[in-house]
Amino acid sequence: MNKCTILVVEDDPSIKNLMVTTLKTHDYNYLLAGNGRTALMEAASHNPDIVLLDLGLPDMDGMEVIKNIRSWSTMPIIVVSARSEDSDKIRALDAGADDYLTKPFSVEEMLARLRVTQRRLNSVNTDIVQFSVFENGALKIDYAAGCAYLEGAELHLTPIEYKLLCILSKNLGRVLTHTFITENVWGHSWENDVASLRVFMATLRKKLEAKPGSPQYIQTHVGVGYRMLRVE
């Protein structure tokens, strides 16, 4: 029996039925919400493992649901939306979503993204690092505590931003390709993952770099990937 609980936030009956039938067939526990207000109540009351969220809800925009949940929880949020423009994807990811699935979608892809998110959730608890604390210039990462600091002040990072920072720090000085990074963060390397990666890297830099245009810690290798520089 799959112990993972999924909160499905969807107001379209046909899509909701498809998602629920798929989850039932694959032994997922699930909760249902047809609007944003109910979604927030269910999320706060039951603390689901993953949220599948439609953006076009009858009472509020799904972006507000993401921002509200992110103000108190790091539970993974996978957006499932008909909005296919890059600008919509960027807004959702920037607001705190972990992944973005565009309608119409195949149930195989939805299940694949759920499995990837589950693996990432499990890896947070089982990841073993060689050193518990990393230091590079004014940057300090306490892997055991799951916290990062810059000049002694804690950096307020989203789960994806923190994972990106850890991957770069554990490969200090190495150029990491887009494929390597996306596979290690999301567990896959699909076409739209590079666009998502750019968004998260931009928000991470804003928090990490005094002058993002003149990076001290994270260097971009155009068309290839990123590298964390050693800071004396």
C-alpha atoms as a PDB file:
ATOM      1  CA  MET A   1       0.000   0.000   0.000  1.00  0.00           C
ATOM      2  CA  ASN A   2       1.396   3.411  -0.993  1.00  0.00           C
ATOM      3  CA  LYS A   3       1.544   5.492   2.199  1.00  0.00           C
ATOM      4  CA  CYS A   4       2.000   8.796   0.335  1.00  0.00           C
ATOM      5  CA  THR A   5      -0.990  11.166   0.645  1.00  0.00           C
ATOM      6  CA  ILE A   6      -1.761  13.477  -2.270  1.00  0.00           C
ATOM      7  CA  LEU A   7      -3.932  16.596  -2.006  1.00  0.00           C
ATOM      8  CA  VAL A   8      -5.705  17.078  -5.352  1.00  0.00           C
ATOM      9  CA  VAL A   9      -6.822  20.686  -5.887  1.00  0.00           C
ATOM     10  CA  GLU A  10      -8.947  20.706  -9.039  1.00  0.00           C
ATOM     11  CA  ASP A  11     -12.406  22.087  -9.894  1.00  0.00           C
ATOM     12  CA  ASP A  12     -12.857  20.429 -13.314  1.00  0.00           C
ATOM     13  CA  PRO A  13     -14.885  17.218 -12.648  1.00  0.00           C
ATOM     14  CA  SER A  14     -13.470  15.240 -15.584  1.00  0.00           C
ATOM     15  CA  ILE A  15      -9.834  16.001 -14.769  1.00  0.00           C
ATOM     16  CA  LYS A  16     -10.448  15.460 -11.058  1.00  0.00           C
ATOM     17  CA  ASN A  17     -12.001  12.055 -11.759  1.00  0.00           C
ATOM     18  CA  LEU A  18      -9.066  11.083 -13.976  1.00  0.00           C
ATOM     19  CA  MET A  19      -6.547  12.039 -11.304  1.00  0.00           C
ATOM     20  CA  VAL A  20      -8.459  10.316  -8.504  1.00  0.00           C
ATOM     21  CA  THR A  21      -8.933   7.119 -10.527  1.00  0.00           C
ATOM     22  CA  THR A  22      -5.208   7.075 -11.303  1.00  0.00           C
ATOM     23  CA  LEU A  23      -4.254   7.615  -7.669  1.00  0.00           C
ATOM     24  CA  LYS A  24      -6.659   4.901  -6.507  1.00  0.00           C
ATOM     25  CA  THR A  25      -5.315   2.440  -9.069  1.00  0.00           C
ATOM     26  CA  HIS A  26      -1.766   3.019  -7.851  1.00  0.00           C
ATOM     27  CA  ASP A  27      -2.652   2.813  -4.137  1.00  0.00           C
ATOM     28  CA  TYR A  28      -2.118   6.453  -3.227  1.00  0.00           C
ATOM     29  CA  ASN A  29      -4.063   8.009  -0.388  1.00  0.00           C
ATOM     30  CA  TYR A  30      -5.694  11.237  -1.518  1.00  0.00           C
ATOM     31  CA  LEU A  31      -7.603  14.307  -0.365  1.00  0.00           C
ATOM     32  CA  LEU A  32      -9.815  16.522  -2.539  1.00  0.00           C
ATOM     33  CA  ALA A  33     -10.352  20.257  -2.755  1.00  0.00           C
ATOM     34  CA  GLY A  34     -12.395  22.075  -5.389  1.00  0.00           C
ATOM     35  CA  ASN A  35     -11.276  25.592  -4.502  1.00  0.00           C
ATOM     36  CA  GLY A  36      -8.408  27.470  -2.927  1.00  0.00           C
ATOM     37  CA  ARG A  37      -9.992  28.009   0.490  1.00  0.00           C
ATOM     38  CA  THR A  38     -10.692  24.299   0.934  1.00  0.00           C
ATOM     39  CA  ALA A  39      -7.194  23.462  -0.335  1.00  0.00           C
ATOM     40  CA  LEU A  40      -5.585  25.620   2.346  1.00  0.00           C
ATOM     41  CA  MET A  41      -7.771  24.073   5.057  1.00  0.00           C
ATOM     42  CA  GLU A  42      -6.952  20.531   3.905  1.00  0.00           C
ATOM     43  CA  ALA A  43      -3.233  21.308   3.646  1.00  0.00           C
ATOM     44  CA  ALA A  44      -3.120  22.781   7.144  1.00  0.00           C
ATOM     45  CA  SER A  45      -5.310  20.082   8.715  1.00  0.00           C
ATOM     46  CA  HIS A  46      -3.850  16.949   7.117  1.00  0.00           C
ATOM     47  CA  ASN A  47      -0.296  17.953   6.068  1.00  0.00           C
ATOM     48  CA  PRO A  48      -0.295  15.919   2.812  1.00  0.00           C
ATOM     49  CA  ASP A  49       2.956  14.651   1.355  1.00  0.00           C
ATOM     50  CA  ILE A  50       2.405  16.261  -2.074  1.00  0.00           C
ATOM     51  CA  VAL A  51      -0.062  18.798  -3.503  1.00  0.00           C
ATOM     52  CA  LEU A  52      -1.317  18.575  -7.101  1.00  0.00           C
ATOM     53  CA  LEU A  53      -2.574  22.100  -7.745  1.00  0.00           C
ATOM     54  CA  ASP A  54      -4.617  23.630 -10.545  1.00  0.00           C
ATOM     55  CA  LEU A  55      -4.051  27.385 -10.946  1.00  0.00           C
ATOM     56  CA  GLY A  56      -7.487  28.292 -12.327  1.00  0.00           C
ATOM     57  CA  LEU A  57      -9.605  27.908  -9.186  1.00  0.00           C
ATOM     58  CA  PRO A  58     -13.089  29.438  -8.764  1.00  0.00           C
ATOM     59  CA  ASP A  59     -12.383  31.495  -5.624  1.00  0.00           C
ATOM     60  CA  MET A  60      -8.717  32.499  -5.924  1.00  0.00           C
ATOM     61  CA  ASP A  61      -5.724  32.152  -8.191  1.00  0.00           C
ATOM     62  CA  GLY A  62      -3.593  29.086  -7.529  1.00  0.00           C
ATOM     63  CA  MET A  63      -0.566  31.362  -7.165  1.00  0.00           C
ATOM     64  CA  GLU A  64      -2.067  32.626  -3.905  1.00  0.00           C
ATOM     65  CA  VAL A  65      -2.433  29.055  -2.683  1.00  0.00           C
ATOM     66  CA  ILE A  66       1.262  28.421  -3.393  1.00  0.00           C
ATOM     67  CA  LYS A  67       2.365  31.581  -1.589  1.00  0.00           C
ATOM     68  CA  ASN A  68       0.143  30.841   1.404  1.00  0.00           C
ATOM     69  CA  ILE A  69       1.426  27.279   1.803  1.00  0.00           C
ATOM     70  CA  ARG A  70       5.019  28.406   1.354  1.00  0.00           C
ATOM     71  CA  SER A  71       4.627  30.850   4.242  1.00  0.00           C
ATOM     72  CA  TRP A  72       4.412  27.902   6.656  1.00  0.00           C
ATOM     73  CA  SER A  73       5.338  24.649   4.886  1.00  0.00           C
ATOM     74  CA  THR A  74       7.852  23.120   2.476  1.00  0.00           C
ATOM     75  CA  MET A  75       5.454  20.368   1.292  1.00  0.00           C
ATOM     76  CA  PRO A  76       6.076  19.703  -2.430  1.00  0.00           C
ATOM     77  CA  ILE A  77       3.635  21.421  -4.800  1.00  0.00           C
ATOM     78  CA  ILE A  78       3.227  20.172  -8.372  1.00  0.00           C
ATOM     79  CA  VAL A  79       1.229  22.609 -10.500  1.00  0.00           C
ATOM     80  CA  VAL A  80      -1.138  20.969 -13.001  1.00  0.00           C
ATOM     81  CA  SER A  81      -2.429  23.731 -15.274  1.00  0.00           C
ATOM     82  CA  ALA A  82      -3.607  24.578 -18.774  1.00  0.00           C
ATOM     83  CA  ARG A  83      -1.480  27.724 -18.642  1.00  0.00           C
ATOM     84  CA  SER A  84       1.384  26.762 -20.927  1.00  0.00           C
ATOM     85  CA  GLU A  85       3.236  30.070 -21.369  1.00  0.00           C
ATOM     86  CA  ASP A  86       6.776  30.200 -19.988  1.00  0.00           C
ATOM     87  CA  SER A  87       5.833  33.321 -18.024  1.00  0.00           C
ATOM     88  CA  ASP A  88       3.132  31.362 -16.154  1.00  0.00           C
ATOM     89  CA  LYS A  89       5.547  28.546 -15.364  1.00  0.00           C
ATOM     90  CA  ILE A  90       8.166  31.006 -14.144  1.00  0.00           C
ATOM     91  CA  ARG A  91       5.653  32.798 -11.909  1.00  0.00           C
ATOM     92  CA  ALA A  92       4.530  29.514 -10.342  1.00  0.00           C
ATOM     93  CA  LEU A  93       8.065  28.242  -9.769  1.00  0.00           C
ATOM     94  CA  ASP A  94       9.159  31.628  -8.462  1.00  0.00           C
ATOM     95  CA  ALA A  95       6.221  31.598  -6.027  1.00  0.00           C
ATOM     96  CA  GLY A  96       7.430  28.275  -4.593  1.00  0.00           C
ATOM     97  CA  ALA A  97       6.095  25.438  -6.751  1.00  0.00           C
ATOM     98  CA  ASP A  98       8.406  22.443  -7.133  1.00  0.00           C
ATOM     99  CA  ASP A  99       7.269  21.209 -10.549  1.00  0.00           C
ATOM    100  CA  TYR A 100       4.888  22.143 -13.378  1.00  0.00           C
ATOM    101  CA  LEU A 101       2.741  19.768 -15.426  1.00  0.00           C
ATOM    102  CA  THR A 102       0.874  21.237 -18.408  1.00  0.00           C
ATOM    103  CA  LYS A 103      -2.647  20.135 -19.369  1.00  0.00           C
ATOM    104  CA  PRO A 104      -3.483  18.017 -21.261  1.00  0.00           C
ATOM    105  CA  PHE A 105      -1.151  15.512 -19.614  1.00  0.00           C
ATOM    106  CA  SER A 106      -0.728  11.758 -19.655  1.00  0.00           C
ATOM    107  CA  VAL A 107      -1.332   9.827 -16.459  1.00  0.00           C
ATOM    108  CA  GLU A 108       2.078   8.194 -17.001  1.00  0.00           C
ATOM    109  CA  GLU A 109       3.798  11.566 -16.782  1.00  0.00           C
ATOM    110  CA  MET A 110       1.811  12.559 -13.701  1.00  0.00           C
ATOM    111  CA  LEU A 111       2.783   9.300 -11.985  1.00  0.00           C
ATOM    112  CA  ALA A 112       6.416   9.734 -13.016  1.00  0.00           C
ATOM    113  CA  ARG A 113       6.531  13.209 -11.478  1.00  0.00           C
ATOM    114  CA  LEU A 114       4.933  11.913  -8.286  1.00  0.00           C
ATOM    115  CA  ARG A 115       7.518   9.129  -8.051  1.00  0.00           C
ATOM    116  CA  VAL A 116      10.350  11.595  -8.593  1.00  0.00           C
ATOM    117  CA  THR A 117       8.993  13.883  -5.880  1.00  0.00           C
ATOM    118  CA  GLN A 118       8.634  10.930  -3.498  1.00  0.00           C
ATOM    119  CA  ARG A 119      12.240   9.904  -4.111  1.00  0.00           C
ATOM    120  CA  ARG A 120      13.367  13.438  -3.424  1.00  0.00           C
ATOM    121  CA  LEU A 121      11.371  13.502  -0.197  1.00  0.00           C
ATOM    122  CA  ASN A 122      12.957  10.232   0.901  1.00  0.00           C
ATOM    123  CA  SER A 123      16.451  11.397  -0.012  1.00  0.00           C
ATOM    124  CA  VAL A 124      16.142  14.400   2.295  1.00  0.00           C
ATOM    125  CA  ASN A 125      15.979  12.018   5.254  1.00  0.00           C
ATOM    126  CA  THR A 126      18.542   9.483   4.042  1.00  0.00           C
ATOM    127  CA  ASP A 127      21.186  11.662   2.400  1.00  0.00           C
ATOM    128  CA  ILE A 128      24.566  11.111   4.049  1.00  0.00           C
ATOM    129  CA  VAL A 129      27.245  13.744   3.533  1.00  0.00           C
ATOM    130  CA  GLN A 130      30.950  13.333   4.143  1.00  0.00           C
ATOM    131  CA  PHE A 131      31.245  16.560   6.094  1.00  0.00           C
ATOM    132  CA  SER A 132      28.486  18.043   8.220  1.00  0.00           C
ATOM    133  CA  VAL A 133      29.513  21.669   7.657  1.00  0.00           C
ATOM    134  CA  PHE A 134      30.700  23.379   4.463  1.00  0.00           C
ATOM    135  CA  GLU A 135      32.406  26.774   4.442  1.00  0.00           C
ATOM    136  CA  ASN A 136      33.384  28.903   1.460  1.00  0.00           C
ATOM    137  CA  GLY A 137      34.194  32.549   2.089  1.00  0.00           C
ATOM    138  CA  ALA A 138      31.263  34.073   4.004  1.00  0.00           C
ATOM    139  CA  LEU A 139      29.002  31.133   3.056  1.00  0.00           C
ATOM    140  CA  LYS A 140      28.369  28.340   5.541  1.00  0.00           C
ATOM    141  CA  ILE A 141      26.110  25.321   5.034  1.00  0.00           C
ATOM    142  CA  ASP A 142      25.164  23.077   7.939  1.00  0.00           C
ATOM    143  CA  TYR A 143      24.086  19.938   6.083  1.00  0.00           C
ATOM    144  CA  ALA A 144      22.899  18.128   9.201  1.00  0.00           C
ATOM    145  CA  ALA A 145      20.656  21.023  10.251  1.00  0.00           C
ATOM    146  CA  GLY A 146      19.569  21.820   6.688  1.00  0.00           C
ATOM    147  CA  CYS A 147      20.494  25.490   7.055  1.00  0.00           C
ATOM    148  CA  ALA A 148      22.714  27.922   5.154  1.00  0.00           C
ATOM    149  CA  TYR A 149      24.257  31.158   6.385  1.00  0.00           C
ATOM    150  CA  LEU A 150      25.873  34.158   4.730  1.00  0.00           C
ATOM    151  CA  GLU A 151      28.063  36.373   6.900  1.00  0.00           C
ATOM    152  CA  GLY A 152      26.470  34.751   9.937  1.00  0.00           C
ATOM    153  CA  ALA A 153      22.871  35.478   8.922  1.00  0.00           C
ATOM    154  CA  GLU A 154      20.609  32.592   7.961  1.00  0.00           C
ATOM    155  CA  LEU A 155      19.564  32.445   4.309  1.00  0.00           C
ATOM    156  CA  HIS A 156      15.840  31.876   3.868  1.00  0.00           C
ATOM    157  CA  LEU A 157      15.839  29.377   1.017  1.00  0.00           C
ATOM    158  CA  THR A 158      13.093  27.324  -0.594  1.00  0.00           C
ATOM    159  CA  PRO A 159      13.663  23.520  -0.618  1.00  0.00           C
ATOM    160  CA  ILE A 160      14.759  23.624  -4.274  1.00  0.00           C
ATOM    161  CA  GLU A 161      17.126  26.571  -3.707  1.00  0.00           C
ATOM    162  CA  TYR A 162      18.712  24.756  -0.766  1.00  0.00           C
ATOM    163  CA  LYS A 163      19.137  21.557  -2.758  1.00  0.00           C
ATOM    164  CA  LEU A 164      20.771  23.510  -5.611  1.00  0.00           C
ATOM    165  CA  LEU A 165      23.150  25.148  -3.149  1.00  0.00           C
ATOM    166  CA  CYS A 166      24.074  21.756  -1.653  1.00  0.00           C
ATOM    167  CA  ILE A 167      24.708  20.174  -5.065  1.00  0.00           C
ATOM    168  CA  LEU A 168      26.960  23.052  -6.116  1.00  0.00           C
ATOM    169  CA  SER A 169      28.826  23.106  -2.797  1.00  0.00           C
ATOM    170  CA  LYS A 170      29.450  19.359  -2.812  1.00  0.00           C
ATOM    171  CA  ASN A 171      31.002  19.784  -6.262  1.00  0.00           C
ATOM    172  CA  LEU A 172      33.007  22.925  -5.494  1.00  0.00           C
ATOM    173  CA  GLY A 173      35.032  24.075  -8.503  1.00  0.00           C
ATOM    174  CA  ARG A 174      33.361  21.635 -10.931  1.00  0.00           C
ATOM    175  CA  VAL A 175      31.197  22.724 -13.840  1.00  0.00           C
ATOM    176  CA  LEU A 176      27.882  20.898 -13.470  1.00  0.00           C
ATOM    177  CA  THR A 177      25.786  20.495 -16.614  1.00  0.00           C
ATOM    178  CA  HIS A 178      22.107  21.404 -16.787  1.00  0.00           C
ATOM    179  CA  THR A 179      21.298  17.698 -17.161  1.00  0.00           C
ATOM    180  CA  PHE A 180      23.338  16.688 -14.109  1.00  0.00           C
ATOM    181  CA  ILE A 181      21.731  19.367 -11.942  1.00  0.00           C
ATOM    182  CA  THR A 182      18.134  18.764 -13.049  1.00  0.00           C
ATOM    183  CA  GLU A 183      18.461  15.001 -12.659  1.00  0.00           C
ATOM    184  CA  ASN A 184      19.803  15.454  -9.130  1.00  0.00           C
ATOM    185  CA  VAL A 185      17.207  18.047  -8.120  1.00  0.00           C
ATOM    186  CA  TRP A 186      14.062  16.772  -9.846  1.00  0.00           C
ATOM    187  CA  GLY A 187      15.147  13.218 -10.670  1.00  0.00           C
ATOM    188  CA  HIS A 188      14.666  13.767 -14.399  1.00  0.00           C
ATOM    189  CA  SER A 189      15.822  16.076 -17.181  1.00  0.00           C
ATOM    190  CA  TRP A 190      12.849  17.030 -19.304  1.00  0.00           C
ATOM    191  CA  GLU A 191      12.757  19.856 -21.809  1.00  0.00           C
ATOM    192  CA  ASN A 192      11.172  22.463 -19.537  1.00  0.00           C
ATOM    193  CA  ASP A 193      13.434  21.642 -16.575  1.00  0.00           C
ATOM    194  CA  VAL A 194      16.233  23.904 -17.836  1.00  0.00           C
ATOM    195  CA  ALA A 195      13.846  26.883 -17.827  1.00  0.00           C
ATOM    196  CA  SER A 196      12.824  25.983 -14.264  1.00  0.00           C
ATOM    197  CA  LEU A 197      16.472  25.664 -13.283  1.00  0.00           C
ATOM    198  CA  ARG A 198      17.214  29.180 -14.559  1.00  0.00           C
ATOM    199  CA  VAL A 199      14.387  30.593 -12.444  1.00  0.00           C
ATOM    200  CA  PHE A 200      15.546  28.894  -9.256  1.00  0.00           C
ATOM    201  CA  MET A 201      19.185  29.802  -9.922  1.00  0.00           C
ATOM    202  CA  ALA A 202      18.202  33.454 -10.386  1.00  0.00           C
ATOM    203  CA  THR A 203      16.313  33.547  -7.077  1.00  0.00           C
ATOM    204  CA  LEU A 204      19.167  31.754  -5.301  1.00  0.00           C
ATOM    205  CA  ARG A 205      21.651  34.290  -6.627  1.00  0.00           C
ATOM    206  CA  LYS A 206      19.542  37.200  -5.398  1.00  0.00           C
ATOM    207  CA  LYS A 207      19.826  35.794  -1.882  1.00  0.00           C
ATOM    208  CA  LEU A 208      23.466  34.756  -2.137  1.00  0.00           C
ATOM    209  CA  GLU A 209      25.247  37.341  -4.279  1.00  0.00           C
ATOM    210  CA  ALA A 210      25.696  40.992  -3.298  1.00  0.00           C
ATOM    211  CA  LYS A 211      25.891  41.807  -7.015  1.00  0.00           C
ATOM    212  CA  PRO A 212      24.174  39.052  -9.047  1.00  0.00           C
ATOM    213  CA  GLY A 213      25.563  40.634 -12.239  1.00  0.00           C
ATOM    214  CA  SER A 214      29.092  40.090 -10.912  1.00  0.00           C
ATOM    215  CA  PRO A 215      28.792  36.680  -9.218  1.00  0.00           C
ATOM    216  CA  GLN A 216      31.157  35.767  -6.440  1.00  0.00           C
ATOM    217  CA  TYR A 217      29.870  32.270  -5.668  1.00  0.00           C
ATOM    218  CA  ILE A 218      27.962  30.878  -8.668  1.00  0.00           C
ATOM    219  CA  GLN A 219      29.350  31.143 -12.187  1.00  0.00           C
ATOM    220  CA  THR A 220      27.226  30.533 -15.297  1.00  0.00           C
ATOM    221  CA  HIS A 221      28.702  28.536 -18.161  1.00  0.00           C
ATOM    222  CA  VAL A 222      26.414  29.559 -21.014  1.00  0.00           C
ATOM    223  CA  GLY A 223      24.778  26.602 -22.723  1.00  0.00           C
ATOM    224  CA  VAL A 224      26.481  24.165 -20.339  1.00  0.00           C
ATOM    225  CA  GLY A 225      25.598  24.690 -16.674  1.00  0.00           C
ATOM    226  CA  TYR A 226      26.859  26.215 -13.428  1.00  0.00           C
ATOM    227  CA  ARG A 227      29.838  26.084 -11.101  1.00  0.00           C
ATOM    228  CA  MET A 228      30.443  27.163  -7.516  1.00  0.00           C
ATOM    229  CA  LEU A 229      33.633  29.179  -7.263  1.00  0.00           C
ATOM    230  CA  ARG A 230      36.056  28.890  -4.388  1.00  0.00           C
ATOM    231  CA  VAL A 231      36.057  32.109  -2.350  1.00  0.00           C
ATOM    232  CA  GLU A 232      39.070  32.974  -0.241  1.00  0.00           C
END
